Amino acid sequence: MTTINSIPTERAAIVAVINPAEHGAGATDSSEVDHSGFNTTQWTLQVGAFGGSGTVDFKLQSASSSGGSFSDITGKSITQLTEAGSDDNKQVVINLRADELTSGDRYVKAVMTLATASTFASMTGLGFDARHAPASDNDLSSVDEIVS
């Protein structure tokens, strides 16, 4: 239950990332997230300046087992970001509820695909409403510090 005295890290955890970098053409996957530990997740992609004629696609995929065969989640992909569309320095967000997963699937990952040119980008996946609180107990091991 959310109370006026709760803090965000009690309700949300950093569960996946694509580290900020100048990513070259090709696909980059986040780590897999066991979505069964959360009611919802939020996946935020941030792009910087595009290389000439660059494009970025971003989607979510799911599987029934860790390391399994991942497939696209229907309706969980963005409209392509492009250099030609003046999409430099933009952010996009995909929300996912547990009930939107294919029956039997529980593992989720983000896939960022760049074409034509390198682009600065990063992604953060947040898990909300953890089944076992506080949510921060589910943070990635790379989370270095929480200041309350």
Foldseek 3Di string as FASTA:
>chain_A
DDDPPDDVLQFKAFQWKDDWDFDWAFKDKIAKGQQVQFQKKKKKKWWAQWDPFKKKKKFKWWDLDHVDDTDGQPPGIDDMDTNVVVCHGHMDMGMDGPVSDDPNTGIMMMMMGMPDGTITMMMTMMGGDGPDTRNHVNYDPPPDDDDD
